[in-house]
Amino acid sequence: DLGMTYSPSGTTFKVWAPSAAAVKLRLYAAGDGGEPLRTYDLSVEKSTGVWSSKLDGNPLGRYYTIQIQRHNIGWIDETPDPY
């Protein structure tokens, strides 16, 4: 169940990134960039390497990207959901 699992009451975002030091989710009002409305830190399940966050409320109509921090490299460019 990687990627986004939508529900009007709460949406879960998951990404498999076992070598990541940190993962962020950024929500945008428009699909052409600009400043994010909000940025969320994802939590990791160390045994699986899956990072996740559940957002309360309905993010319908919002755009999002994932950004991964690699050990010894730093933050890589944001990317749309790879799933």
PDB file of N, CA and C in Angstrom:
ATOM      1  N   ASP A   1       0.822  -1.195   0.000  1.00  0.00           N
ATOM      2  CA  ASP A   1       0.000   0.000   0.000  1.00  0.00           C
ATOM      3  C   ASP A   1       0.870   1.264   0.000  1.00  0.00           C
ATOM      4  N   LEU A   2       1.931   1.256  -0.805  1.00  0.00           N
ATOM      5  CA  LEU A   2       2.788   2.429  -0.917  1.00  0.00           C
ATOM      6  C   LEU A   2       2.086   3.505  -1.739  1.00  0.00           C
ATOM      7  N   GLY A   3       2.519   4.736  -1.556  1.00  0.00           N
ATOM      8  CA  GLY A   3       1.897   5.865  -2.232  1.00  0.00           C
ATOM      9  C   GLY A   3       0.860   6.499  -1.332  1.00  0.00           C
ATOM     10  N   MET A   4      -0.163   7.078  -1.931  1.00  0.00           N
ATOM     11  CA  MET A   4      -1.212   7.762  -1.193  1.00  0.00           C
ATOM     12  C   MET A   4      -2.442   6.867  -1.073  1.00  0.00           C
ATOM     13  N   THR A   5      -2.983   6.772   0.135  1.00  0.00           N
ATOM     14  CA  THR A   5      -4.251   6.097   0.369  1.00  0.00           C
ATOM     15  C   THR A   5      -5.226   7.162   0.850  1.00  0.00           C
ATOM     16  N   TYR A   6      -6.150   7.548  -0.030  1.00  0.00           N
ATOM     17  CA  TYR A   6      -7.038   8.678   0.214  1.00  0.00           C
ATOM     18  C   TYR A   6      -8.292   8.276   0.977  1.00  0.00           C
ATOM     19  N   SER A   7      -8.699   9.158   1.866  1.00  0.00           N
ATOM     20  CA  SER A   7      -9.991   9.101   2.528  1.00  0.00           C
ATOM     21  C   SER A   7     -10.378  10.535   2.856  1.00  0.00           C
ATOM     22  N   PRO A   8     -11.650  10.905   2.753  1.00  0.00           N
ATOM     23  CA  PRO A   8     -12.047  12.276   3.086  1.00  0.00           C
ATOM     24  C   PRO A   8     -11.737  12.663   4.534  1.00  0.00           C
ATOM     25  N   SER A   9     -11.646  11.688   5.418  1.00  0.00           N
ATOM     26  CA  SER A   9     -11.379  12.001   6.829  1.00  0.00           C
ATOM     27  C   SER A   9      -9.895  11.975   7.184  1.00  0.00           C
ATOM     28  N   GLY A  10      -9.071  11.363   6.349  1.00  0.00           N
ATOM     29  CA  GLY A  10      -7.639  11.303   6.618  1.00  0.00           C
ATOM     30  C   GLY A  10      -6.936  10.526   5.524  1.00  0.00           C
ATOM     31  N   THR A  11      -5.783  10.986   5.099  1.00  0.00           N
ATOM     32  CA  THR A  11      -5.061  10.371   3.994  1.00  0.00           C
ATOM     33  C   THR A  11      -3.673   9.958   4.460  1.00  0.00           C
ATOM     34  N   THR A  12      -3.268   8.748   4.073  1.00  0.00           N
ATOM     35  CA  THR A  12      -1.962   8.230   4.451  1.00  0.00           C
ATOM     36  C   THR A  12      -1.033   8.265   3.253  1.00  0.00           C
ATOM     37  N   PHE A  13       0.194   8.682   3.500  1.00  0.00           N
ATOM     38  CA  PHE A  13       1.241   8.730   2.488  1.00  0.00           C
ATOM     39  C   PHE A  13       2.360   7.799   2.930  1.00  0.00           C
ATOM     40  N   LYS A  14       2.816   6.923   2.011  1.00  0.00           N
ATOM     41  CA  LYS A  14       3.892   5.992   2.334  1.00  0.00           C
ATOM     42  C   LYS A  14       4.878   5.919   1.176  1.00  0.00           C
ATOM     43  N   VAL A  15       6.151   5.830   1.534  1.00  0.00           N
ATOM     44  CA  VAL A  15       7.203   5.680   0.533  1.00  0.00           C
ATOM     45  C   VAL A  15       8.264   4.729   1.091  1.00  0.00           C
ATOM     46  N   TRP A  16       8.741   3.837   0.237  1.00  0.00           N
ATOM     47  CA  TRP A  16       9.788   2.907   0.638  1.00  0.00           C
ATOM     48  C   TRP A  16      11.129   3.554   0.343  1.00  0.00           C
ATOM     49  N   ALA A  17      11.897   3.841   1.380  1.00  0.00           N
ATOM     50  CA  ALA A  17      13.202   4.485   1.224  1.00  0.00           C
ATOM     51  C   ALA A  17      14.114   4.004   2.353  1.00  0.00           C
ATOM     52  N   PRO A  18      14.554   2.734   2.301  1.00  0.00           N
ATOM     53  CA  PRO A  18      15.310   2.167   3.420  1.00  0.00           C
ATOM     54  C   PRO A  18      16.646   2.844   3.686  1.00  0.00           C
ATOM     55  N   SER A  19      17.226   3.509   2.690  1.00  0.00           N
ATOM     56  CA  SER A  19      18.523   4.150   2.906  1.00  0.00           C
ATOM     57  C   SER A  19      18.397   5.637   3.260  1.00  0.00           C
ATOM     58  N   ALA A  20      17.186   6.123   3.430  1.00  0.00           N
ATOM     59  CA  ALA A  20      16.978   7.543   3.735  1.00  0.00           C
ATOM     60  C   ALA A  20      17.310   7.855   5.189  1.00  0.00           C
ATOM     61  N   ALA A  21      17.801   9.072   5.398  1.00  0.00           N
ATOM     62  CA  ALA A  21      18.016   9.582   6.747  1.00  0.00           C
ATOM     63  C   ALA A  21      16.765  10.298   7.245  1.00  0.00           C
ATOM     64  N   ALA A  22      15.981  10.864   6.314  1.00  0.00           N
ATOM     65  CA  ALA A  22      14.738  11.566   6.635  1.00  0.00           C
ATOM     66  C   ALA A  22      13.916  11.680   5.354  1.00  0.00           C
ATOM     67  N   VAL A  23      12.600  11.839   5.517  1.00  0.00           N
ATOM     68  CA  VAL A  23      11.700  12.006   4.374  1.00  0.00           C
ATOM     69  C   VAL A  23      10.674  13.082   4.725  1.00  0.00           C
ATOM     70  N   LYS A  24      10.411  13.976   3.769  1.00  0.00           N
ATOM     71  CA  LYS A  24       9.418  15.037   3.956  1.00  0.00           C
ATOM     72  C   LYS A  24       8.340  14.944   2.881  1.00  0.00           C
ATOM     73  N   LEU A  25       7.142  15.316   3.271  1.00  0.00           N
ATOM     74  CA  LEU A  25       6.005  15.443   2.370  1.00  0.00           C
ATOM     75  C   LEU A  25       5.654  16.926   2.325  1.00  0.00           C
ATOM     76  N   ARG A  26       5.513  17.462   1.121  1.00  0.00           N
ATOM     77  CA  ARG A  26       5.165  18.873   0.971  1.00  0.00           C
ATOM     78  C   ARG A  26       3.840  18.987   0.220  1.00  0.00           C
ATOM     79  N   LEU A  27       2.884  19.749   0.790  1.00  0.00           N
ATOM     80  CA  LEU A  27       1.581  19.981   0.164  1.00  0.00           C
ATOM     81  C   LEU A  27       1.564  21.359  -0.488  1.00  0.00           C
ATOM     82  N   TYR A  28       1.043  21.413  -1.717  1.00  0.00           N
ATOM     83  CA  TYR A  28       0.969  22.651  -2.479  1.00  0.00           C
ATOM     84  C   TYR A  28      -0.471  22.921  -2.900  1.00  0.00           C
ATOM     85  N   ALA A  29      -0.790  24.203  -3.089  1.00  0.00           N
ATOM     86  CA  ALA A  29      -2.119  24.596  -3.562  1.00  0.00           C
ATOM     87  C   ALA A  29      -2.243  24.398  -5.064  1.00  0.00           C
ATOM     88  N   ALA A  30      -1.132  24.523  -5.787  1.00  0.00           N
ATOM     89  CA  ALA A  30      -1.147  24.408  -7.248  1.00  0.00           C
ATOM     90  C   ALA A  30      -0.077  23.418  -7.688  1.00  0.00           C
ATOM     91  N   GLY A  31      -0.229  22.897  -8.879  1.00  0.00           N
ATOM     92  CA  GLY A  31       0.688  21.898  -9.386  1.00  0.00           C
ATOM     93  C   GLY A  31       1.919  22.451 -10.069  1.00  0.00           C
ATOM     94  N   ASP A  32       2.106  23.770 -10.011  1.00  0.00           N
ATOM     95  CA  ASP A  32       3.256  24.366 -10.689  1.00  0.00           C
ATOM     96  C   ASP A  32       4.279  24.951  -9.721  1.00  0.00           C
ATOM     97  N   GLY A  33       4.302  24.440  -8.492  1.00  0.00           N
ATOM     98  CA  GLY A  33       5.331  24.855  -7.545  1.00  0.00           C
ATOM     99  C   GLY A  33       4.899  25.990  -6.652  1.00  0.00           C
ATOM    100  N   GLY A  34       5.847  26.870  -6.346  1.00  0.00           N
ATOM    101  CA  GLY A  34       5.602  27.930  -5.391  1.00  0.00           C
ATOM    102  C   GLY A  34       5.970  27.451  -4.000  1.00  0.00           C
ATOM    103  N   GLU A  35       5.536  28.170  -3.020  1.00  0.00           N
ATOM    104  CA  GLU A  35       5.811  27.798  -1.636  1.00  0.00           C
ATOM    105  C   GLU A  35       4.815  26.728  -1.175  1.00  0.00           C
ATOM    106  N   PRO A  36       5.294  25.708  -0.444  1.00  0.00           N
ATOM    107  CA  PRO A  36       4.357  24.699   0.051  1.00  0.00           C
ATOM    108  C   PRO A  36       3.420  25.285   1.109  1.00  0.00           C
ATOM    109  N   LEU A  37       2.197  24.778   1.126  1.00  0.00           N
ATOM    110  CA  LEU A  37       1.248  25.160   2.168  1.00  0.00           C
ATOM    111  C   LEU A  37       1.689  24.618   3.516  1.00  0.00           C
ATOM    112  N   ARG A  38       2.204  23.385   3.483  1.00  0.00           N
ATOM    113  CA  ARG A  38       2.668  22.698   4.689  1.00  0.00           C
ATOM    114  C   ARG A  38       3.716  21.687   4.324  1.00  0.00           C
ATOM    115  N   THR A  39       4.591  21.412   5.278  1.00  0.00           N
ATOM    116  CA  THR A  39       5.605  20.379   5.133  1.00  0.00           C
ATOM    117  C   THR A  39       5.485  19.447   6.334  1.00  0.00           C
ATOM    118  N   TYR A  40       5.494  18.150   6.058  1.00  0.00           N
ATOM    119  CA  TYR A  40       5.348  17.137   7.105  1.00  0.00           C
ATOM    120  C   TYR A  40       6.569  16.224   7.105  1.00  0.00           C
ATOM    121  N   ASP A  41       7.052  15.889   8.286  1.00  0.00           N
ATOM    122  CA  ASP A  41       8.105  14.888   8.430  1.00  0.00           C
ATOM    123  C   ASP A  41       7.444  13.518   8.502  1.00  0.00           C
ATOM    124  N   LEU A  42       7.933  12.581   7.703  1.00  0.00           N
ATOM    125  CA  LEU A  42       7.416  11.220   7.749  1.00  0.00           C
ATOM    126  C   LEU A  42       8.193  10.423   8.783  1.00  0.00           C
ATOM    127  N   SER A  43       7.562   9.411   9.346  1.00  0.00           N
ATOM    128  CA  SER A  43       8.186   8.519  10.326  1.00  0.00           C
ATOM    129  C   SER A  43       8.523   7.205   9.651  1.00  0.00           C
ATOM    130  N   VAL A  44       9.604   6.582  10.113  1.00  0.00           N
ATOM    131  CA  VAL A  44      10.046   5.339   9.481  1.00  0.00           C
ATOM    132  C   VAL A  44       9.713   4.126  10.356  1.00  0.00           C
ATOM    133  N   GLU A  45       9.340   3.040   9.702  1.00  0.00           N
ATOM    134  CA  GLU A  45       9.241   1.714  10.317  1.00  0.00           C
ATOM    135  C   GLU A  45      10.549   1.029   9.940  1.00  0.00           C
ATOM    136  N   LYS A  46      11.505   1.007  10.869  1.00  0.00           N
ATOM    137  CA  LYS A  46      12.869   0.556  10.563  1.00  0.00           C
ATOM    138  C   LYS A  46      12.946  -0.853   9.992  1.00  0.00           C
ATOM    139  N   SER A  47      12.068  -1.732  10.406  1.00  0.00           N
ATOM    140  CA  SER A  47      12.140  -3.120   9.937  1.00  0.00           C
ATOM    141  C   SER A  47      11.759  -3.262   8.461  1.00  0.00           C
ATOM    142  N   THR A  48      10.982  -2.306   7.927  1.00  0.00           N
ATOM    143  CA  THR A  48      10.540  -2.395   6.528  1.00  0.00           C
ATOM    144  C   THR A  48      11.148  -1.316   5.636  1.00  0.00           C
ATOM    145  N   GLY A  49      11.652  -0.234   6.225  1.00  0.00           N
ATOM    146  CA  GLY A  49      12.169   0.882   5.443  1.00  0.00           C
ATOM    147  C   GLY A  49      11.084   1.754   4.855  1.00  0.00           C
ATOM    148  N   VAL A  50       9.842   1.592   5.336  1.00  0.00           N
ATOM    149  CA  VAL A  50       8.714   2.384   4.837  1.00  0.00           C
ATOM    150  C   VAL A  50       8.527   3.612   5.736  1.00  0.00           C
ATOM    151  N   TRP A  51       8.511   4.771   5.099  1.00  0.00           N
ATOM    152  CA  TRP A  51       8.260   6.038   5.768  1.00  0.00           C
ATOM    153  C   TRP A  51       6.799   6.411   5.536  1.00  0.00           C
ATOM    154  N   SER A  52       6.120   6.949   6.572  1.00  0.00           N
ATOM    155  CA  SER A  52       4.702   7.256   6.411  1.00  0.00           C
ATOM    156  C   SER A  52       4.260   8.422   7.278  1.00  0.00           C
ATOM    157  N   SER A  53       3.109   8.963   6.902  1.00  0.00           N
ATOM    158  CA  SER A  53       2.445   9.994   7.678  1.00  0.00           C
ATOM    159  C   SER A  53       0.964   9.951   7.329  1.00  0.00           C
ATOM    160  N   LYS A  54       0.126  10.135   8.334  1.00  0.00           N
ATOM    161  CA  LYS A  54      -1.311  10.228   8.101  1.00  0.00           C
ATOM    162  C   LYS A  54      -1.747  11.651   8.383  1.00  0.00           C
ATOM    163  N   LEU A  55      -2.397  12.267   7.394  1.00  0.00           N
ATOM    164  CA  LEU A  55      -2.888  13.627   7.535  1.00  0.00           C
ATOM    165  C   LEU A  55      -4.377  13.592   7.803  1.00  0.00           C
ATOM    166  N   ASP A  56      -4.798  14.276   8.849  1.00  0.00           N
ATOM    167  CA  ASP A  56      -6.219  14.384   9.140  1.00  0.00           C
ATOM    168  C   ASP A  56      -6.848  15.376   8.177  1.00  0.00           C
ATOM    169  N   GLY A  57      -8.109  15.190   7.911  1.00  0.00           N
ATOM    170  CA  GLY A  57      -8.827  16.096   7.025  1.00  0.00           C
ATOM    171  C   GLY A  57      -8.752  15.637   5.581  1.00  0.00           C
ATOM    172  N   ASN A  58      -9.275  16.461   4.704  1.00  0.00           N
ATOM    173  CA  ASN A  58      -9.412  16.117   3.298  1.00  0.00           C
ATOM    174  C   ASN A  58      -8.447  16.943   2.445  1.00  0.00           C
ATOM    175  N   PRO A  59      -7.385  16.331   1.893  1.00  0.00           N
ATOM    176  CA  PRO A  59      -6.445  17.076   1.059  1.00  0.00           C
ATOM    177  C   PRO A  59      -6.849  17.119  -0.426  1.00  0.00           C
ATOM    178  N   LEU A  60      -8.092  16.817  -0.723  1.00  0.00           N
ATOM    179  CA  LEU A  60      -8.556  16.792  -2.109  1.00  0.00           C
ATOM    180  C   LEU A  60      -8.252  18.129  -2.800  1.00  0.00           C
ATOM    181  N   GLY A  61      -7.683  18.050  -3.985  1.00  0.00           N
ATOM    182  CA  GLY A  61      -7.354  19.247  -4.739  1.00  0.00           C
ATOM    183  C   GLY A  61      -5.984  19.815  -4.431  1.00  0.00           C
ATOM    184  N   ARG A  62      -5.256  19.202  -3.523  1.00  0.00           N
ATOM    185  CA  ARG A  62      -3.901  19.639  -3.204  1.00  0.00           C
ATOM    186  C   ARG A  62      -2.911  18.787  -3.987  1.00  0.00           C
ATOM    187  N   TYR A  63      -1.733  19.322  -4.173  1.00  0.00           N
ATOM    188  CA  TYR A  63      -0.649  18.627  -4.858  1.00  0.00           C
ATOM    189  C   TYR A  63       0.428  18.336  -3.825  1.00  0.00           C
ATOM    190  N   TYR A  64       1.202  17.271  -4.056  1.00  0.00           N
ATOM    191  CA  TYR A  64       2.237  16.948  -3.075  1.00  0.00           C
ATOM    192  C   TYR A  64       3.482  16.398  -3.745  1.00  0.00           C
ATOM    193  N   THR A  65       4.587  16.563  -3.026  1.00  0.00           N
ATOM    194  CA  THR A  65       5.858  15.994  -3.445  1.00  0.00           C
ATOM    195  C   THR A  65       6.484  15.287  -2.243  1.00  0.00           C
ATOM    196  N   ILE A  66       7.441  14.439  -2.555  1.00  0.00           N
ATOM    197  CA  ILE A  66       8.229  13.742  -1.541  1.00  0.00           C
ATOM    198  C   ILE A  66       9.671  14.219  -1.698  1.00  0.00           C
ATOM    199  N   GLN A  67      10.358  14.427  -0.572  1.00  0.00           N
ATOM    200  CA  GLN A  67      11.769  14.779  -0.607  1.00  0.00           C
ATOM    201  C   GLN A  67      12.513  13.894   0.379  1.00  0.00           C
ATOM    202  N   ILE A  68      13.622  13.334  -0.079  1.00  0.00           N
ATOM    203  CA  ILE A  68      14.394  12.375   0.721  1.00  0.00           C
ATOM    204  C   ILE A  68      15.764  12.951   1.044  1.00  0.00           C
ATOM    205  N   GLN A  69      16.174  12.754   2.291  1.00  0.00           N
ATOM    206  CA  GLN A  69      17.524  13.115   2.711  1.00  0.00           C
ATOM    207  C   GLN A  69      18.354  11.838   2.761  1.00  0.00           C
ATOM    208  N   ARG A  70      19.448  11.830   2.030  1.00  0.00           N
ATOM    209  CA  ARG A  70      20.341  10.669   1.999  1.00  0.00           C
ATOM    210  C   ARG A  70      21.501  10.908   2.944  1.00  0.00           C
ATOM    211  N   HIS A  71      21.962   9.855   3.614  1.00  0.00           N
ATOM    212  CA  HIS A  71      23.133   9.962   4.477  1.00  0.00           C
ATOM    213  C   HIS A  71      24.320  10.443   3.649  1.00  0.00           C
ATOM    214  N   ASN A  72      25.080  11.376   4.163  1.00  0.00           N
ATOM    215  CA  ASN A  72      26.297  11.910   3.541  1.00  0.00           C
ATOM    216  C   ASN A  72      26.073  12.625   2.219  1.00  0.00           C
ATOM    217  N   ILE A  73      24.829  12.802   1.768  1.00  0.00           N
ATOM    218  CA  ILE A  73      24.564  13.496   0.509  1.00  0.00           C
ATOM    219  C   ILE A  73      23.730  14.750   0.752  1.00  0.00           C
ATOM    220  N   GLY A  74      22.783  14.677   1.657  1.00  0.00           N
ATOM    221  CA  GLY A  74      21.876  15.782   1.914  1.00  0.00           C
ATOM    222  C   GLY A  74      20.533  15.544   1.246  1.00  0.00           C
ATOM    223  N   TRP A  75      19.768  16.610   1.122  1.00  0.00           N
ATOM    224  CA  TRP A  75      18.424  16.515   0.549  1.00  0.00           C
ATOM    225  C   TRP A  75      18.510  16.441  -0.972  1.00  0.00           C
ATOM    226  N   ILE A  76      17.809  15.473  -1.556  1.00  0.00           N
ATOM    227  CA  ILE A  76      17.721  15.401  -3.011  1.00  0.00           C
ATOM    228  C   ILE A  76      16.497  16.185  -3.463  1.00  0.00           C
ATOM    229  N   ASP A  77      16.380  16.428  -4.752  1.00  0.00           N
ATOM    230  CA  ASP A  77      15.269  17.219  -5.277  1.00  0.00           C
ATOM    231  C   ASP A  77      13.917  16.564  -4.961  1.00  0.00           C
ATOM    232  N   GLU A  78      12.910  17.399  -4.785  1.00  0.00           N
ATOM    233  CA  GLU A  78      11.547  16.908  -4.571  1.00  0.00           C
ATOM    234  C   GLU A  78      11.089  16.143  -5.812  1.00  0.00           C
ATOM    235  N   THR A  79      10.210  15.180  -5.587  1.00  0.00           N
ATOM    236  CA  THR A  79       9.668  14.410  -6.698  1.00  0.00           C
ATOM    237  C   THR A  79       8.185  14.129  -6.453  1.00  0.00           C
ATOM    238  N   PRO A  80       7.408  14.039  -7.515  1.00  0.00           N
ATOM    239  CA  PRO A  80       6.019  13.595  -7.337  1.00  0.00           C
ATOM    240  C   PRO A  80       6.010  12.164  -6.804  1.00  0.00           C
ATOM    241  N   ASP A  81       4.900  11.735  -6.328  1.00  0.00           N
ATOM    242  CA  ASP A  81       4.754  10.375  -5.797  1.00  0.00           C
ATOM    243  C   ASP A  81       5.258   9.354  -6.816  1.00  0.00           C
ATOM    244  N   PRO A  82       6.247   8.542  -6.455  1.00  0.00           N
ATOM    245  CA  PRO A  82       6.783   7.559  -7.409  1.00  0.00           C
ATOM    246  C   PRO A  82       5.850   6.371  -7.642  1.00  0.00           C
ATOM    247  N   TYR A  83       4.761   6.301  -6.909  1.00  0.00           N
ATOM    248  CA  TYR A  83       3.856   5.166  -7.044  1.00  0.00           C
ATOM    249  C   TYR A  83       2.618   5.552  -7.805  1.00  0.00           C
TER     250      TYR A  83
END
